């Protein structure tokens, strides 16, 4: 199963896990960096400092629950 781990980078450049979102869309063409980040905006609001949040696409083995990074290229870039 594909999922996204969301992290927040604080002022001291430490990262904190916000949460994990399982991908439920059947059509992979609908998945984009923007559409994934829109979920964070809906949950946390626009004032959260979205430039300090990034995600990593992971794969979760449904039998074991083991999480592995599946696509390290699919990360957000921190904006200045």
N, C-alpha and C. Protein backbone atom coordinates (compact mmCIF):
# COMPACT_ATOMS: atom_id res chain seq x y z
N UNK A 1 0.85 -1.16 0.00
CA UNK A 1 0.00 0.00 0.00
C UNK A 1 0.90 1.23 0.00
N UNK A 2 0.56 2.22 -0.81
CA UNK A 2 1.30 3.48 -0.86
C UNK A 2 0.75 4.42 0.20
N UNK A 3 1.65 5.13 0.85
CA UNK A 3 1.26 6.11 1.87
C UNK A 3 2.27 7.26 1.84
N UNK A 4 1.96 8.31 2.60
CA UNK A 4 2.82 9.48 2.68
C UNK A 4 3.08 9.79 4.15
N UNK A 5 4.34 9.94 4.51
CA UNK A 5 4.72 10.37 5.84
C UNK A 5 4.95 11.88 5.78
N UNK A 6 4.27 12.63 6.63
CA UNK A 6 4.39 14.08 6.65
C UNK A 6 5.25 14.50 7.83
N UNK A 7 6.18 15.40 7.56
CA UNK A 7 7.10 15.89 8.57
C UNK A 7 7.08 17.41 8.61
N UNK A 8 7.37 17.96 9.80
CA UNK A 8 7.50 19.39 10.00
C UNK A 8 8.94 19.66 10.42
N UNK A 9 9.58 20.63 9.79
CA UNK A 9 10.95 21.02 10.13
C UNK A 9 10.89 22.28 10.98
N UNK A 10 11.40 22.21 12.22
CA UNK A 10 11.32 23.36 13.12
C UNK A 10 12.46 24.36 12.85
N UNK A 11 12.51 25.41 13.65
CA UNK A 11 13.48 26.48 13.47
C UNK A 11 14.92 25.99 13.63
N UNK A 12 15.10 24.93 14.36
CA UNK A 12 16.44 24.36 14.59
C UNK A 12 16.76 23.23 13.61
N UNK A 13 15.95 23.12 12.55
CA UNK A 13 16.14 22.13 11.48
C UNK A 13 15.94 20.69 11.94
N UNK A 14 15.25 20.48 13.06
CA UNK A 14 14.89 19.13 13.49
C UNK A 14 13.58 18.76 12.80
N UNK A 15 13.41 17.49 12.48
CA UNK A 15 12.18 17.05 11.83
C UNK A 15 11.30 16.31 12.82
N UNK A 16 9.97 16.51 12.66
CA UNK A 16 8.98 15.90 13.54
C UNK A 16 7.90 15.28 12.67
N UNK A 17 7.58 14.02 12.93
CA UNK A 17 6.53 13.34 12.19
C UNK A 17 5.18 13.94 12.57
N UNK A 18 4.42 14.37 11.55
CA UNK A 18 3.07 14.90 11.77
C UNK A 18 2.06 13.76 11.70
N UNK A 19 2.19 12.94 10.66
CA UNK A 19 1.25 11.84 10.48
C UNK A 19 1.49 11.10 9.19
N UNK A 20 0.72 10.06 8.98
CA UNK A 20 0.83 9.22 7.79
C UNK A 20 -0.54 9.15 7.13
N UNK A 21 -0.55 9.35 5.82
CA UNK A 21 -1.78 9.31 5.03
C UNK A 21 -1.67 8.19 4.01
N UNK A 22 -2.61 7.24 4.05
CA UNK A 22 -2.65 6.17 3.06
C UNK A 22 -3.25 6.70 1.77
N UNK A 23 -2.66 6.34 0.64
CA UNK A 23 -3.18 6.75 -0.67
C UNK A 23 -4.35 5.86 -1.02
N UNK A 24 -5.50 6.48 -1.30
CA UNK A 24 -6.70 5.71 -1.59
C UNK A 24 -7.17 5.86 -3.03
N UNK A 25 -6.56 6.79 -3.76
CA UNK A 25 -6.99 7.01 -5.15
C UNK A 25 -6.58 5.83 -6.02
N UNK A 26 -7.49 5.40 -6.85
CA UNK A 26 -7.24 4.26 -7.74
C UNK A 26 -6.45 4.67 -8.97
N UNK A 27 -6.60 5.93 -9.41
CA UNK A 27 -5.95 6.42 -10.61
C UNK A 27 -4.67 7.17 -10.23
N UNK A 28 -3.49 6.58 -10.47
CA UNK A 28 -2.24 7.24 -10.07
C UNK A 28 -1.97 8.55 -10.81
N UNK A 29 -2.63 8.77 -11.94
CA UNK A 29 -2.46 10.02 -12.67
C UNK A 29 -3.03 11.22 -11.90
N UNK A 30 -3.91 10.97 -10.96
CA UNK A 30 -4.50 12.04 -10.15
C UNK A 30 -3.60 12.47 -8.99
N UNK A 31 -2.56 11.68 -8.73
CA UNK A 31 -1.66 11.96 -7.61
C UNK A 31 -0.58 12.93 -8.07
N UNK A 32 -0.46 14.03 -7.35
CA UNK A 32 0.61 14.99 -7.62
C UNK A 32 1.13 15.51 -6.29
N UNK A 33 2.25 16.15 -6.34
CA UNK A 33 2.82 16.75 -5.14
C UNK A 33 1.83 17.75 -4.54
N UNK A 34 1.21 18.53 -5.39
CA UNK A 34 0.24 19.53 -4.94
C UNK A 34 -0.97 18.89 -4.29
N UNK A 35 -1.49 17.81 -4.89
CA UNK A 35 -2.69 17.18 -4.33
C UNK A 35 -2.41 16.56 -2.96
N UNK A 36 -1.21 16.03 -2.77
CA UNK A 36 -0.85 15.46 -1.47
C UNK A 36 -0.71 16.58 -0.44
N UNK A 37 -0.07 17.68 -0.80
CA UNK A 37 0.10 18.79 0.13
C UNK A 37 -1.22 19.48 0.46
N UNK A 38 -2.19 19.41 -0.43
CA UNK A 38 -3.51 19.98 -0.14
C UNK A 38 -4.16 19.30 1.05
N UNK A 39 -3.86 18.01 1.25
CA UNK A 39 -4.40 17.30 2.41
C UNK A 39 -3.89 17.94 3.70
N UNK A 40 -2.60 18.25 3.73
CA UNK A 40 -2.02 18.89 4.92
C UNK A 40 -2.68 20.23 5.18
N UNK A 41 -2.88 21.00 4.14
CA UNK A 41 -3.53 22.31 4.29
C UNK A 41 -4.94 22.17 4.86
N UNK A 42 -5.66 21.16 4.42
CA UNK A 42 -7.02 20.93 4.92
C UNK A 42 -7.01 20.58 6.41
N UNK A 43 -6.05 19.78 6.82
CA UNK A 43 -5.99 19.32 8.21
C UNK A 43 -5.43 20.39 9.14
N UNK A 44 -4.33 21.02 8.74
CA UNK A 44 -3.62 21.94 9.62
C UNK A 44 -3.96 23.41 9.41
N UNK A 45 -4.56 23.74 8.26
CA UNK A 45 -4.88 25.13 7.97
C UNK A 45 -3.77 25.81 7.19
N UNK A 46 -4.09 26.96 6.63
CA UNK A 46 -3.15 27.68 5.78
C UNK A 46 -2.07 28.41 6.56
N UNK A 47 -2.30 28.69 7.83
CA UNK A 47 -1.36 29.48 8.62
C UNK A 47 -0.24 28.66 9.22
N UNK A 48 -0.17 27.39 8.92
CA UNK A 48 0.74 26.48 9.61
C UNK A 48 2.20 26.66 9.19
N UNK A 49 2.50 27.39 8.16
CA UNK A 49 3.87 27.49 7.66
C UNK A 49 4.19 26.31 6.76
N UNK A 50 3.43 26.19 5.70
CA UNK A 50 3.51 25.03 4.81
C UNK A 50 4.91 24.83 4.23
N UNK A 51 5.72 25.88 4.19
CA UNK A 51 7.07 25.74 3.66
C UNK A 51 7.97 24.93 4.58
N UNK A 52 7.55 24.69 5.79
CA UNK A 52 8.34 23.89 6.73
C UNK A 52 7.86 22.44 6.79
N UNK A 53 6.93 22.09 5.93
CA UNK A 53 6.37 20.74 5.91
C UNK A 53 6.78 20.04 4.62
N UNK A 54 7.16 18.77 4.76
CA UNK A 54 7.48 17.97 3.57
C UNK A 54 6.95 16.56 3.79
N UNK A 55 6.94 15.78 2.71
CA UNK A 55 6.48 14.40 2.85
C UNK A 55 7.39 13.47 2.08
N UNK A 56 7.31 12.21 2.46
CA UNK A 56 8.04 11.15 1.80
C UNK A 56 7.03 10.07 1.43
N UNK A 57 7.07 9.63 0.19
CA UNK A 57 6.20 8.55 -0.24
C UNK A 57 6.81 7.24 0.24
N UNK A 58 5.99 6.40 0.88
CA UNK A 58 6.46 5.13 1.42
C UNK A 58 5.52 4.01 0.98
N UNK A 59 6.01 2.80 1.15
CA UNK A 59 5.19 1.61 0.91
C UNK A 59 5.03 0.88 2.23
N UNK A 60 3.80 0.50 2.54
CA UNK A 60 3.52 -0.25 3.77
C UNK A 60 3.13 -1.66 3.37
N UNK A 61 3.87 -2.63 3.88
CA UNK A 61 3.55 -4.03 3.62
C UNK A 61 2.31 -4.37 4.45
N UNK A 62 1.23 -4.74 3.80
CA UNK A 62 -0.04 -4.98 4.50
C UNK A 62 0.00 -6.21 5.38
N UNK A 63 0.90 -7.14 5.13
CA UNK A 63 0.99 -8.34 5.97
C UNK A 63 1.83 -8.10 7.21
N UNK A 64 2.96 -7.38 7.04
CA UNK A 64 3.88 -7.21 8.17
C UNK A 64 3.80 -5.83 8.82
N UNK A 65 3.26 -4.85 8.09
CA UNK A 65 3.22 -3.48 8.60
C UNK A 65 4.53 -2.74 8.42
N UNK A 66 5.50 -3.40 7.80
CA UNK A 66 6.81 -2.78 7.59
C UNK A 66 6.70 -1.63 6.59
N UNK A 67 7.36 -0.52 6.91
CA UNK A 67 7.33 0.68 6.07
C UNK A 67 8.68 0.83 5.40
N UNK A 68 8.66 1.04 4.08
CA UNK A 68 9.90 1.30 3.35
C UNK A 68 9.68 2.49 2.42
N UNK A 69 10.73 3.29 2.27
CA UNK A 69 10.65 4.45 1.38
C UNK A 69 10.56 3.94 -0.04
N UNK A 70 9.50 4.33 -0.74
CA UNK A 70 9.29 3.76 -2.07
C UNK A 70 9.67 4.69 -3.20
N UNK A 71 9.68 6.00 -2.96
CA UNK A 71 9.98 6.92 -4.04
C UNK A 71 10.59 8.19 -3.46
N UNK A 72 11.89 8.18 -3.18
CA UNK A 72 12.50 9.33 -2.53
C UNK A 72 12.49 10.59 -3.39
N UNK A 73 12.20 10.48 -4.67
CA UNK A 73 12.15 11.64 -5.55
C UNK A 73 10.87 12.44 -5.29
N UNK A 74 9.84 11.81 -4.78
CA UNK A 74 8.53 12.46 -4.61
C UNK A 74 8.46 13.16 -3.26
N UNK A 75 9.30 14.18 -3.08
CA UNK A 75 9.33 14.98 -1.86
C UNK A 75 9.08 16.43 -2.25
N UNK A 76 8.60 17.19 -1.33
CA UNK A 76 8.43 18.61 -1.60
C UNK A 76 9.76 19.32 -1.44
N UNK A 77 9.92 20.40 -2.14
CA UNK A 77 11.09 21.25 -2.00
C UNK A 77 10.77 22.38 -1.05
N UNK A 78 11.66 22.69 -0.18
CA UNK A 78 11.45 23.79 0.76
C UNK A 78 11.60 25.10 -0.01
N UNK A 79 10.58 25.94 0.09
CA UNK A 79 10.58 27.22 -0.61
C UNK A 79 11.17 28.30 0.27
N UNK A 80 11.81 29.28 -0.34
CA UNK A 80 12.35 30.43 0.41
C UNK A 80 11.44 31.61 0.29
